[in-house]
Amino acid sequence: MDEIGICKVCHEDLAYIEEEGDWGVYVTCPICGSHSAICEYSGAENKAAAETEAIQMWNMGKIIAESRGE
């Protein structure tokens, strides 16, 4: 699995993988609230691939940022 990079918004190194029920995962930053899109999966065997996809999106900067005016 890839390593989770720093947050592109607040530049903190605290991001982690969060689960959405038994069907999706995403990477989120507890400091600023930014997160990747939810990567859906079905079955435990596909969860690792969904986690890798979420980490890759996060590391590329494809995130949803919580900021003023949104």
PDB file of N, CA and C in Angstrom:
ATOM      1  N   MET A   1       0.839  -1.177   0.000  1.00  0.00           N
ATOM      2  CA  MET A   1       0.000   0.000   0.000  1.00  0.00           C
ATOM      3  C   MET A   1       0.885   1.242   0.000  1.00  0.00           C
ATOM      4  N   ASP A   2       0.466   2.280  -0.696  1.00  0.00           N
ATOM      5  CA  ASP A   2       1.205   3.539  -0.754  1.00  0.00           C
ATOM      6  C   ASP A   2       1.156   4.256   0.585  1.00  0.00           C
ATOM      7  N   GLU A   3       2.119   5.144   0.801  1.00  0.00           N
ATOM      8  CA  GLU A   3       2.162   5.951   2.013  1.00  0.00           C
ATOM      9  C   GLU A   3       1.308   7.198   1.810  1.00  0.00           C
ATOM     10  N   ILE A   4       0.573   7.595   2.833  1.00  0.00           N
ATOM     11  CA  ILE A   4      -0.273   8.789   2.760  1.00  0.00           C
ATOM     12  C   ILE A   4       0.607  10.013   2.906  1.00  0.00           C
ATOM     13  N   GLY A   5       0.533  10.913   1.941  1.00  0.00           N
ATOM     14  CA  GLY A   5       1.336  12.124   1.950  1.00  0.00           C
ATOM     15  C   GLY A   5       0.733  13.217   2.816  1.00  0.00           C
ATOM     16  N   ILE A   6       1.430  14.337   2.881  1.00  0.00           N
ATOM     17  CA  ILE A   6       0.951  15.467   3.684  1.00  0.00           C
ATOM     18  C   ILE A   6      -0.285  16.087   3.038  1.00  0.00           C
ATOM     19  N   CYS A   7      -1.045  16.810   3.848  1.00  0.00           N
ATOM     20  CA  CYS A   7      -2.236  17.507   3.361  1.00  0.00           C
ATOM     21  C   CYS A   7      -1.802  18.672   2.474  1.00  0.00           C
ATOM     22  N   LYS A   8      -2.383  18.778   1.299  1.00  0.00           N
ATOM     23  CA  LYS A   8      -2.038  19.853   0.365  1.00  0.00           C
ATOM     24  C   LYS A   8      -2.639  21.191   0.793  1.00  0.00           C
ATOM     25  N   VAL A   9      -3.575  21.174   1.740  1.00  0.00           N
ATOM     26  CA  VAL A   9      -4.226  22.404   2.184  1.00  0.00           C
ATOM     27  C   VAL A   9      -3.516  22.995   3.403  1.00  0.00           C
ATOM     28  N   CYS A  10      -3.358  22.205   4.475  1.00  0.00           N
ATOM     29  CA  CYS A  10      -2.766  22.741   5.708  1.00  0.00           C
ATOM     30  C   CYS A  10      -1.326  22.271   5.929  1.00  0.00           C
ATOM     31  N   HIS A  11      -0.849  21.378   5.088  1.00  0.00           N
ATOM     32  CA  HIS A  11       0.530  20.883   5.109  1.00  0.00           C
ATOM     33  C   HIS A  11       0.898  20.089   6.367  1.00  0.00           C
ATOM     34  N   GLU A  12      -0.093  19.541   7.040  1.00  0.00           N
ATOM     35  CA  GLU A  12       0.148  18.682   8.196  1.00  0.00           C
ATOM     36  C   GLU A  12       0.294  17.236   7.721  1.00  0.00           C
ATOM     37  N   ASP A  13       0.969  16.437   8.503  1.00  0.00           N
ATOM     38  CA  ASP A  13       1.236  15.039   8.153  1.00  0.00           C
ATOM     39  C   ASP A  13       0.433  14.098   9.061  1.00  0.00           C
ATOM     40  N   LEU A  14      -0.874  14.359   9.176  1.00  0.00           N
ATOM     41  CA  LEU A  14      -1.723  13.581  10.078  1.00  0.00           C
ATOM     42  C   LEU A  14      -2.874  12.872   9.367  1.00  0.00           C
ATOM     43  N   ALA A  15      -2.914  12.919   8.055  1.00  0.00           N
ATOM     44  CA  ALA A  15      -4.023  12.324   7.307  1.00  0.00           C
ATOM     45  C   ALA A  15      -4.072  10.822   7.523  1.00  0.00           C
ATOM     46  N   TYR A  16      -5.269  10.271   7.462  1.00  0.00           N
ATOM     47  CA  TYR A  16      -5.468   8.840   7.675  1.00  0.00           C
ATOM     48  C   TYR A  16      -6.646   8.342   6.841  1.00  0.00           C
ATOM     49  N   ILE A  17      -6.767   7.031   6.738  1.00  0.00           N
ATOM     50  CA  ILE A  17      -7.873   6.420   5.995  1.00  0.00           C
ATOM     51  C   ILE A  17      -9.073   6.291   6.914  1.00  0.00           C
ATOM     52  N   GLU A  18     -10.207   6.740   6.427  1.00  0.00           N
ATOM     53  CA  GLU A  18     -11.472   6.660   7.159  1.00  0.00           C
ATOM     54  C   GLU A  18     -12.406   5.728   6.395  1.00  0.00           C
ATOM     55  N   GLU A  19     -13.159   4.933   7.121  1.00  0.00           N
ATOM     56  CA  GLU A  19     -14.105   4.006   6.488  1.00  0.00           C
ATOM     57  C   GLU A  19     -15.502   4.590   6.486  1.00  0.00           C
ATOM     58  N   GLU A  20     -16.230   4.322   5.440  1.00  0.00           N
ATOM     59  CA  GLU A  20     -17.616   4.728   5.287  1.00  0.00           C
ATOM     60  C   GLU A  20     -18.439   3.450   5.232  1.00  0.00           C
ATOM     61  N   GLY A  21     -18.908   3.003   6.381  1.00  0.00           N
ATOM     62  CA  GLY A  21     -19.635   1.739   6.444  1.00  0.00           C
ATOM     63  C   GLY A  21     -18.742   0.594   5.984  1.00  0.00           C
ATOM     64  N   ASP A  22     -19.340  -0.390   5.363  1.00  0.00           N
ATOM     65  CA  ASP A  22     -18.600  -1.529   4.806  1.00  0.00           C
ATOM     66  C   ASP A  22     -18.542  -1.449   3.287  1.00  0.00           C
ATOM     67  N   TRP A  23     -18.567  -0.233   2.748  1.00  0.00           N
ATOM     68  CA  TRP A  23     -18.630  -0.092   1.296  1.00  0.00           C
ATOM     69  C   TRP A  23     -17.685   0.953   0.720  1.00  0.00           C
ATOM     70  N   GLY A  24     -17.036   1.782   1.566  1.00  0.00           N
ATOM     71  CA  GLY A  24     -16.177   2.815   1.009  1.00  0.00           C
ATOM     72  C   GLY A  24     -15.111   3.291   1.977  1.00  0.00           C
ATOM     73  N   VAL A  25     -14.051   3.863   1.419  1.00  0.00           N
ATOM     74  CA  VAL A  25     -12.950   4.434   2.197  1.00  0.00           C
ATOM     75  C   VAL A  25     -12.517   5.741   1.552  1.00  0.00           C
ATOM     76  N   TYR A  26     -11.908   6.617   2.365  1.00  0.00           N
ATOM     77  CA  TYR A  26     -11.348   7.862   1.856  1.00  0.00           C
ATOM     78  C   TYR A  26     -10.242   8.308   2.799  1.00  0.00           C
ATOM     79  N   VAL A  27      -9.395   9.209   2.328  1.00  0.00           N
ATOM     80  CA  VAL A  27      -8.334   9.780   3.156  1.00  0.00           C
ATOM     81  C   VAL A  27      -8.827  11.131   3.639  1.00  0.00           C
ATOM     82  N   THR A  28      -8.613  11.423   4.914  1.00  0.00           N
ATOM     83  CA  THR A  28      -9.068  12.679   5.492  1.00  0.00           C
ATOM     84  C   THR A  28      -7.998  13.306   6.383  1.00  0.00           C
ATOM     85  N   CYS A  29      -8.040  14.611   6.496  1.00  0.00           N
ATOM     86  CA  CYS A  29      -7.128  15.354   7.368  1.00  0.00           C
ATOM     87  C   CYS A  29      -7.914  15.819   8.595  1.00  0.00           C
ATOM     88  N   PRO A  30      -7.510  15.422   9.796  1.00  0.00           N
ATOM     89  CA  PRO A  30      -8.244  15.826  10.993  1.00  0.00           C
ATOM     90  C   PRO A  30      -8.051  17.301  11.369  1.00  0.00           C
ATOM     91  N   ILE A  31      -7.071  17.950  10.774  1.00  0.00           N
ATOM     92  CA  ILE A  31      -6.791  19.350  11.112  1.00  0.00           C
ATOM     93  C   ILE A  31      -7.704  20.299  10.340  1.00  0.00           C
ATOM     94  N   CYS A  32      -7.743  20.168   9.010  1.00  0.00           N
ATOM     95  CA  CYS A  32      -8.513  21.119   8.197  1.00  0.00           C
ATOM     96  C   CYS A  32      -9.794  20.530   7.608  1.00  0.00           C
ATOM     97  N   GLY A  33      -9.968  19.225   7.709  1.00  0.00           N
ATOM     98  CA  GLY A  33     -11.197  18.606   7.208  1.00  0.00           C
ATOM     99  C   GLY A  33     -11.180  18.247   5.733  1.00  0.00           C
ATOM    100  N   SER A  34     -10.086  18.476   5.048  1.00  0.00           N
ATOM    101  CA  SER A  34      -9.996  18.090   3.639  1.00  0.00           C
ATOM    102  C   SER A  34     -10.046  16.574   3.513  1.00  0.00           C
ATOM    103  N   HIS A  35     -10.549  16.097   2.382  1.00  0.00           N
ATOM    104  CA  HIS A  35     -10.627  14.652   2.185  1.00  0.00           C
ATOM    105  C   HIS A  35     -10.655  14.310   0.700  1.00  0.00           C
ATOM    106  N   SER A  36     -10.313  13.069   0.418  1.00  0.00           N
ATOM    107  CA  SER A  36     -10.407  12.574  -0.959  1.00  0.00           C
ATOM    108  C   SER A  36     -11.850  12.163  -1.211  1.00  0.00           C
ATOM    109  N   ALA A  37     -12.143  11.809  -2.423  1.00  0.00           N
ATOM    110  CA  ALA A  37     -13.453  11.243  -2.742  1.00  0.00           C
ATOM    111  C   ALA A  37     -13.542   9.865  -2.109  1.00  0.00           C
ATOM    112  N   ILE A  38     -14.755   9.393  -1.906  1.00  0.00           N
ATOM    113  CA  ILE A  38     -14.953   8.053  -1.359  1.00  0.00           C
ATOM    114  C   ILE A  38     -14.714   7.031  -2.467  1.00  0.00           C
ATOM    115  N   CYS A  39     -13.886   6.058  -2.189  1.00  0.00           N
ATOM    116  CA  CYS A  39     -13.623   4.964  -3.123  1.00  0.00           C
ATOM    117  C   CYS A  39     -14.443   3.759  -2.661  1.00  0.00           C
ATOM    118  N   GLU A  40     -15.377   3.361  -3.474  1.00  0.00           N
ATOM    119  CA  GLU A  40     -16.274   2.272  -3.118  1.00  0.00           C
ATOM    120  C   GLU A  40     -15.640   0.915  -3.392  1.00  0.00           C
ATOM    121  N   TYR A  41     -16.077  -0.077  -2.617  1.00  0.00           N
ATOM    122  CA  TYR A  41     -15.625  -1.450  -2.817  1.00  0.00           C
ATOM    123  C   TYR A  41     -16.745  -2.391  -2.388  1.00  0.00           C
ATOM    124  N   SER A  42     -16.667  -3.605  -2.863  1.00  0.00           N
ATOM    125  CA  SER A  42     -17.617  -4.636  -2.426  1.00  0.00           C
ATOM    126  C   SER A  42     -16.800  -5.865  -2.030  1.00  0.00           C
ATOM    127  N   GLY A  43     -16.962  -6.267  -0.804  1.00  0.00           N
ATOM    128  CA  GLY A  43     -16.215  -7.418  -0.311  1.00  0.00           C
ATOM    129  C   GLY A  43     -14.859  -7.026   0.243  1.00  0.00           C
ATOM    130  N   ALA A  44     -14.449  -7.732   1.286  1.00  0.00           N
ATOM    131  CA  ALA A  44     -13.184  -7.442   1.958  1.00  0.00           C
ATOM    132  C   ALA A  44     -11.979  -7.575   1.036  1.00  0.00           C
ATOM    133  N   GLU A  45     -12.066  -8.441   0.038  1.00  0.00           N
ATOM    134  CA  GLU A  45     -10.937  -8.649  -0.863  1.00  0.00           C
ATOM    135  C   GLU A  45     -10.659  -7.426  -1.740  1.00  0.00           C
ATOM    136  N   ASN A  46     -11.640  -6.540  -1.916  1.00  0.00           N
ATOM    137  CA  ASN A  46     -11.455  -5.346  -2.742  1.00  0.00           C
ATOM    138  C   ASN A  46     -11.140  -4.092  -1.931  1.00  0.00           C
ATOM    139  N   LYS A  47     -11.170  -4.199  -0.613  1.00  0.00           N
ATOM    140  CA  LYS A  47     -10.954  -3.036   0.248  1.00  0.00           C
ATOM    141  C   LYS A  47      -9.545  -2.466   0.089  1.00  0.00           C
ATOM    142  N   ALA A  48      -8.538  -3.310   0.016  1.00  0.00           N
ATOM    143  CA  ALA A  48      -7.150  -2.838  -0.118  1.00  0.00           C
ATOM    144  C   ALA A  48      -6.960  -2.033  -1.402  1.00  0.00           C
ATOM    145  N   ALA A  49      -7.591  -2.465  -2.482  1.00  0.00           N
ATOM    146  CA  ALA A  49      -7.486  -1.731  -3.751  1.00  0.00           C
ATOM    147  C   ALA A  49      -8.161  -0.362  -3.633  1.00  0.00           C
ATOM    148  N   ALA A  50      -9.280  -0.295  -2.928  1.00  0.00           N
ATOM    149  CA  ALA A  50      -9.974   0.976  -2.731  1.00  0.00           C
ATOM    150  C   ALA A  50      -9.133   1.915  -1.865  1.00  0.00           C
ATOM    151  N   GLU A  51      -8.476   1.371  -0.848  1.00  0.00           N
ATOM    152  CA  GLU A  51      -7.597   2.189  -0.010  1.00  0.00           C
ATOM    153  C   GLU A  51      -6.438   2.749  -0.823  1.00  0.00           C
ATOM    154  N   THR A  52      -5.846   1.932  -1.656  1.00  0.00           N
ATOM    155  CA  THR A  52      -4.746   2.377  -2.511  1.00  0.00           C
ATOM    156  C   THR A  52      -5.212   3.484  -3.450  1.00  0.00           C
ATOM    157  N   GLU A  53      -6.396   3.339  -4.021  1.00  0.00           N
ATOM    158  CA  GLU A  53      -6.948   4.355  -4.924  1.00  0.00           C
ATOM    159  C   GLU A  53      -7.171   5.672  -4.179  1.00  0.00           C
ATOM    160  N   ALA A  54      -7.722   5.615  -2.959  1.00  0.00           N
ATOM    161  CA  ALA A  54      -7.956   6.822  -2.168  1.00  0.00           C
ATOM    162  C   ALA A  54      -6.638   7.510  -1.828  1.00  0.00           C
ATOM    163  N   ILE A  55      -5.623   6.750  -1.471  1.00  0.00           N
ATOM    164  CA  ILE A  55      -4.306   7.316  -1.148  1.00  0.00           C
ATOM    165  C   ILE A  55      -3.695   7.961  -2.383  1.00  0.00           C
ATOM    166  N   GLN A  56      -3.807   7.326  -3.538  1.00  0.00           N
ATOM    167  CA  GLN A  56      -3.253   7.898  -4.766  1.00  0.00           C
ATOM    168  C   GLN A  56      -3.933   9.220  -5.109  1.00  0.00           C
ATOM    169  N   MET A  57      -5.262   9.288  -4.965  1.00  0.00           N
ATOM    170  CA  MET A  57      -5.975  10.552  -5.223  1.00  0.00           C
ATOM    171  C   MET A  57      -5.500  11.638  -4.261  1.00  0.00           C
ATOM    172  N   TRP A  58      -5.377  11.281  -2.992  1.00  0.00           N
ATOM    173  CA  TRP A  58      -4.918  12.226  -1.973  1.00  0.00           C
ATOM    174  C   TRP A  58      -3.523  12.749  -2.321  1.00  0.00           C
ATOM    175  N   ASN A  59      -2.628  11.849  -2.630  1.00  0.00           N
ATOM    176  CA  ASN A  59      -1.246  12.233  -2.916  1.00  0.00           C
ATOM    177  C   ASN A  59      -1.122  13.070  -4.182  1.00  0.00           C
ATOM    178  N   MET A  60      -2.036  12.900  -5.143  1.00  0.00           N
ATOM    179  CA  MET A  60      -2.032  13.710  -6.365  1.00  0.00           C
ATOM    180  C   MET A  60      -2.665  15.082  -6.145  1.00  0.00           C
ATOM    181  N   GLY A  61      -3.305  15.278  -4.993  1.00  0.00           N
ATOM    182  CA  GLY A  61      -3.945  16.562  -4.704  1.00  0.00           C
ATOM    183  C   GLY A  61      -5.393  16.628  -5.129  1.00  0.00           C
ATOM    184  N   LYS A  62      -5.985  15.506  -5.469  1.00  0.00           N
ATOM    185  CA  LYS A  62      -7.394  15.467  -5.840  1.00  0.00           C
ATOM    186  C   LYS A  62      -8.211  15.344  -4.558  1.00  0.00           C
ATOM    187  N   ILE A  63      -8.423  16.513  -3.911  1.00  0.00           N
ATOM    188  CA  ILE A  63      -9.089  16.525  -2.614  1.00  0.00           C
ATOM    189  C   ILE A  63     -10.231  17.525  -2.597  1.00  0.00           C
ATOM    190  N   ILE A  64     -11.091  17.362  -1.629  1.00  0.00           N
ATOM    191  CA  ILE A  64     -12.184  18.284  -1.386  1.00  0.00           C
ATOM    192  C   ILE A  64     -11.804  19.061  -0.136  1.00  0.00           C
ATOM    193  N   ALA A  65     -11.675  20.382  -0.273  1.00  0.00           N
ATOM    194  CA  ALA A  65     -11.218  21.198   0.841  1.00  0.00           C
ATOM    195  C   ALA A  65     -12.383  21.977   1.442  1.00  0.00           C
ATOM    196  N   GLU A  66     -12.409  22.012   2.752  1.00  0.00           N
ATOM    197  CA  GLU A  66     -13.380  22.796   3.490  1.00  0.00           C
ATOM    198  C   GLU A  66     -12.742  24.165   3.712  1.00  0.00           C
ATOM    199  N   SER A  67     -13.262  25.198   3.061  1.00  0.00           N
ATOM    200  CA  SER A  67     -12.691  26.520   3.250  1.00  0.00           C
ATOM    201  C   SER A  67     -13.799  27.569   3.167  1.00  0.00           C
ATOM    202  N   ARG A  68     -13.459  28.780   3.564  1.00  0.00           N
ATOM    203  CA  ARG A  68     -14.435  29.865   3.522  1.00  0.00           C
ATOM    204  C   ARG A  68     -14.991  30.049   2.132  1.00  0.00           C
ATOM    205  N   GLY A  69     -16.280  30.341   2.080  1.00  0.00           N
ATOM    206  CA  GLY A  69     -16.917  30.609   0.805  1.00  0.00           C
ATOM    207  C   GLY A  69     -17.466  29.378   0.123  1.00  0.00           C
ATOM    208  N   GLU A  70     -17.231  28.201   0.684  1.00  0.00           N
ATOM    209  CA  GLU A  70     -17.759  26.981   0.059  1.00  0.00           C
ATOM    210  C   GLU A  70     -19.053  26.593   0.697  1.00  0.00           C
TER     211      GLU A  70
END
